[in-house]
Amino acid sequence: MHPILSKASLREPDTERLNTMLRVALTPLQYETVVAVYLHGHPQKEVAIDRGVSPASVCQLLQRAERRVGRYLGYL
């Protein structure tokens, strides 16, 4: 799990700010996947099965989402 998105590292007001930032920075599919994997702890394989795609597709989607968040925050 990415440390920035770690649920344990977030205080309640930070959770709302993170949610807002993710909704702005990511596509709807990226947002849903990031929330499912990073915040709810669902395995990537489970998310892939639910969506009818390969686990590699979920992994790539998460990598693109992480890059988008990094660009949005000015890190990349």
N, C-alpha and C. Protein backbone atom coordinates (compact mmCIF):
# COMPACT_ATOMS: atom_id res chain seq x y z
N MET A 1 0.84 -1.17 0.00
CA MET A 1 0.00 0.00 0.00
C MET A 1 0.89 1.24 0.00
N HIS A 2 0.51 2.20 -0.78
CA HIS A 2 1.26 3.44 -0.87
C HIS A 2 1.13 4.22 0.43
N PRO A 3 2.24 4.72 1.01
CA PRO A 3 2.18 5.39 2.31
C PRO A 3 1.29 6.64 2.33
N ILE A 4 1.23 7.37 1.24
CA ILE A 4 0.38 8.56 1.21
C ILE A 4 -1.08 8.18 1.34
N LEU A 5 -1.45 7.02 0.82
CA LEU A 5 -2.84 6.60 0.82
C LEU A 5 -3.17 5.66 1.97
N SER A 6 -2.26 5.46 2.88
CA SER A 6 -2.49 4.56 3.99
C SER A 6 -3.60 5.08 4.90
N LYS A 7 -4.60 4.29 5.08
CA LYS A 7 -5.75 4.67 5.90
C LYS A 7 -5.33 5.00 7.33
N ALA A 8 -4.38 4.24 7.85
CA ALA A 8 -3.95 4.45 9.23
C ALA A 8 -3.25 5.78 9.42
N SER A 9 -2.67 6.34 8.37
CA SER A 9 -1.93 7.59 8.51
C SER A 9 -2.80 8.82 8.36
N LEU A 10 -4.09 8.64 8.15
CA LEU A 10 -4.98 9.77 7.91
C LEU A 10 -5.84 10.09 9.13
N ARG A 11 -5.94 11.39 9.42
CA ARG A 11 -6.89 11.85 10.42
C ARG A 11 -8.19 12.11 9.69
N GLU A 12 -9.29 12.20 10.41
CA GLU A 12 -10.61 12.35 9.80
C GLU A 12 -10.70 13.53 8.84
N PRO A 13 -10.29 14.76 9.20
CA PRO A 13 -10.37 15.86 8.22
C PRO A 13 -9.49 15.60 7.00
N ASP A 14 -8.37 14.92 7.21
CA ASP A 14 -7.50 14.60 6.08
C ASP A 14 -8.16 13.62 5.13
N THR A 15 -8.98 12.73 5.65
CA THR A 15 -9.67 11.75 4.81
C THR A 15 -10.59 12.47 3.84
N GLU A 16 -11.31 13.46 4.30
CA GLU A 16 -12.21 14.21 3.43
C GLU A 16 -11.43 14.98 2.37
N ARG A 17 -10.32 15.58 2.76
CA ARG A 17 -9.48 16.31 1.81
C ARG A 17 -8.90 15.36 0.78
N LEU A 18 -8.44 14.19 1.22
CA LEU A 18 -7.89 13.20 0.30
C LEU A 18 -8.95 12.75 -0.70
N ASN A 19 -10.15 12.49 -0.21
CA ASN A 19 -11.24 12.05 -1.08
C ASN A 19 -11.53 13.11 -2.14
N THR A 20 -11.59 14.36 -1.74
CA THR A 20 -11.85 15.44 -2.69
C THR A 20 -10.74 15.53 -3.72
N MET A 21 -9.49 15.47 -3.27
CA MET A 21 -8.36 15.55 -4.18
C MET A 21 -8.37 14.39 -5.17
N LEU A 22 -8.66 13.19 -4.69
CA LEU A 22 -8.69 12.03 -5.58
C LEU A 22 -9.78 12.17 -6.63
N ARG A 23 -10.94 12.67 -6.23
CA ARG A 23 -12.05 12.84 -7.18
C ARG A 23 -11.69 13.84 -8.27
N VAL A 24 -10.95 14.87 -7.91
CA VAL A 24 -10.56 15.89 -8.89
C VAL A 24 -9.44 15.38 -9.80
N ALA A 25 -8.46 14.70 -9.21
CA ALA A 25 -7.25 14.30 -9.95
C ALA A 25 -7.44 13.08 -10.83
N LEU A 26 -8.35 12.18 -10.48
CA LEU A 26 -8.46 10.89 -11.15
C LEU A 26 -9.72 10.77 -11.99
N THR A 27 -9.66 9.85 -12.95
CA THR A 27 -10.87 9.49 -13.69
C THR A 27 -11.78 8.71 -12.74
N PRO A 28 -13.05 8.60 -13.05
CA PRO A 28 -13.95 7.82 -12.17
C PRO A 28 -13.48 6.38 -11.96
N LEU A 29 -13.01 5.72 -13.01
CA LEU A 29 -12.54 4.34 -12.87
C LEU A 29 -11.29 4.28 -12.00
N GLN A 30 -10.37 5.21 -12.19
CA GLN A 30 -9.17 5.25 -11.35
C GLN A 30 -9.55 5.50 -9.90
N TYR A 31 -10.46 6.44 -9.67
CA TYR A 31 -10.89 6.76 -8.31
C TYR A 31 -11.47 5.51 -7.62
N GLU A 32 -12.40 4.85 -8.29
CA GLU A 32 -13.03 3.65 -7.72
C GLU A 32 -12.01 2.58 -7.40
N THR A 33 -11.04 2.40 -8.28
CA THR A 33 -10.03 1.37 -8.08
C THR A 33 -9.09 1.73 -6.94
N VAL A 34 -8.65 2.97 -6.88
CA VAL A 34 -7.77 3.42 -5.79
C VAL A 34 -8.48 3.25 -4.44
N VAL A 35 -9.72 3.63 -4.37
CA VAL A 35 -10.47 3.50 -3.11
C VAL A 35 -10.62 2.04 -2.73
N ALA A 36 -10.96 1.20 -3.70
CA ALA A 36 -11.15 -0.23 -3.42
C ALA A 36 -9.87 -0.88 -2.92
N VAL A 37 -8.75 -0.58 -3.59
CA VAL A 37 -7.49 -1.25 -3.26
C VAL A 37 -6.80 -0.62 -2.06
N TYR A 38 -6.58 0.70 -2.12
CA TYR A 38 -5.77 1.35 -1.10
C TYR A 38 -6.53 1.68 0.19
N LEU A 39 -7.77 2.11 0.05
CA LEU A 39 -8.50 2.52 1.25
C LEU A 39 -9.35 1.42 1.87
N HIS A 40 -9.91 0.54 1.02
CA HIS A 40 -10.73 -0.55 1.55
C HIS A 40 -9.96 -1.86 1.67
N GLY A 41 -8.77 -1.92 1.07
CA GLY A 41 -7.92 -3.09 1.23
C GLY A 41 -8.29 -4.30 0.40
N HIS A 42 -9.08 -4.11 -0.66
CA HIS A 42 -9.42 -5.25 -1.53
C HIS A 42 -8.19 -5.64 -2.36
N PRO A 43 -7.93 -6.92 -2.49
CA PRO A 43 -6.79 -7.35 -3.33
C PRO A 43 -7.01 -6.96 -4.79
N GLN A 44 -5.92 -6.65 -5.47
CA GLN A 44 -6.02 -6.28 -6.88
C GLN A 44 -6.66 -7.38 -7.70
N LYS A 45 -6.36 -8.63 -7.36
CA LYS A 45 -6.94 -9.76 -8.10
C LYS A 45 -8.46 -9.77 -7.96
N GLU A 46 -8.96 -9.49 -6.76
CA GLU A 46 -10.41 -9.44 -6.52
C GLU A 46 -11.05 -8.32 -7.33
N VAL A 47 -10.42 -7.16 -7.35
CA VAL A 47 -10.94 -6.03 -8.12
C VAL A 47 -10.96 -6.39 -9.61
N ALA A 48 -9.91 -7.05 -10.07
CA ALA A 48 -9.85 -7.46 -11.47
C ALA A 48 -10.99 -8.41 -11.83
N ILE A 49 -11.25 -9.38 -10.97
CA ILE A 49 -12.34 -10.33 -11.22
C ILE A 49 -13.67 -9.61 -11.26
N ASP A 50 -13.89 -8.69 -10.29
CA ASP A 50 -15.15 -7.94 -10.25
C ASP A 50 -15.37 -7.12 -11.52
N ARG A 51 -14.29 -6.62 -12.10
CA ARG A 51 -14.40 -5.77 -13.29
C ARG A 51 -14.26 -6.55 -14.59
N GLY A 52 -13.91 -7.81 -14.49
CA GLY A 52 -13.76 -8.63 -15.70
C GLY A 52 -12.53 -8.29 -16.51
N VAL A 53 -11.46 -7.88 -15.81
CA VAL A 53 -10.20 -7.55 -16.47
C VAL A 53 -9.08 -8.35 -15.81
N SER A 54 -7.90 -8.28 -16.39
CA SER A 54 -6.77 -9.00 -15.83
C SER A 54 -6.20 -8.24 -14.64
N PRO A 55 -5.55 -8.96 -13.71
CA PRO A 55 -4.86 -8.28 -12.60
C PRO A 55 -3.81 -7.29 -13.10
N ALA A 56 -3.17 -7.59 -14.23
CA ALA A 56 -2.19 -6.67 -14.80
C ALA A 56 -2.84 -5.35 -15.20
N SER A 57 -4.08 -5.41 -15.70
CA SER A 57 -4.80 -4.19 -16.06
C SER A 57 -5.06 -3.33 -14.84
N VAL A 58 -5.43 -3.96 -13.74
CA VAL A 58 -5.67 -3.22 -12.49
C VAL A 58 -4.37 -2.60 -12.01
N CYS A 59 -3.29 -3.34 -12.08
CA CYS A 59 -1.98 -2.83 -11.67
C CYS A 59 -1.59 -1.61 -12.51
N GLN A 60 -1.78 -1.69 -13.81
CA GLN A 60 -1.45 -0.57 -14.69
C GLN A 60 -2.34 0.64 -14.40
N LEU A 61 -3.60 0.39 -14.15
CA LEU A 61 -4.52 1.48 -13.83
C LEU A 61 -4.08 2.19 -12.55
N LEU A 62 -3.67 1.41 -11.54
CA LEU A 62 -3.21 2.00 -10.29
C LEU A 62 -1.92 2.79 -10.49
N GLN A 63 -1.04 2.30 -11.33
CA GLN A 63 0.21 3.02 -11.60
C GLN A 63 -0.09 4.36 -12.28
N ARG A 64 -1.02 4.33 -13.24
CA ARG A 64 -1.39 5.59 -13.91
C ARG A 64 -2.05 6.54 -12.93
N ALA A 65 -2.88 6.00 -12.05
CA ALA A 65 -3.53 6.84 -11.04
C ALA A 65 -2.51 7.48 -10.11
N GLU A 66 -1.51 6.70 -9.69
CA GLU A 66 -0.47 7.24 -8.81
C GLU A 66 0.30 8.36 -9.51
N ARG A 67 0.57 8.19 -10.80
CA ARG A 67 1.27 9.25 -11.55
C ARG A 67 0.41 10.50 -11.65
N ARG A 68 -0.89 10.32 -11.89
CA ARG A 68 -1.80 11.47 -11.97
C ARG A 68 -1.86 12.22 -10.65
N VAL A 69 -1.92 11.49 -9.56
CA VAL A 69 -1.95 12.13 -8.24
C VAL A 69 -0.63 12.87 -8.01
N GLY A 70 0.47 12.26 -8.39
CA GLY A 70 1.78 12.91 -8.24
C GLY A 70 1.85 14.20 -9.04
N ARG A 71 1.36 14.17 -10.28
CA ARG A 71 1.36 15.39 -11.10
C ARG A 71 0.43 16.43 -10.49
N TYR A 72 -0.73 15.99 -10.02
CA TYR A 72 -1.70 16.91 -9.42
C TYR A 72 -1.10 17.62 -8.21
N LEU A 73 -0.34 16.87 -7.42
CA LEU A 73 0.27 17.44 -6.22
C LEU A 73 1.58 18.17 -6.53
N GLY A 74 2.03 18.10 -7.78
CA GLY A 74 3.25 18.79 -8.17
C GLY A 74 4.52 18.03 -7.86
N TYR A 75 4.42 16.72 -7.63
CA TYR A 75 5.59 15.90 -7.32
C TYR A 75 6.28 15.39 -8.58
N LEU A 76 5.54 15.28 -9.68
CA LEU A 76 6.12 14.74 -10.91
C LEU A 76 6.12 15.79 -12.00
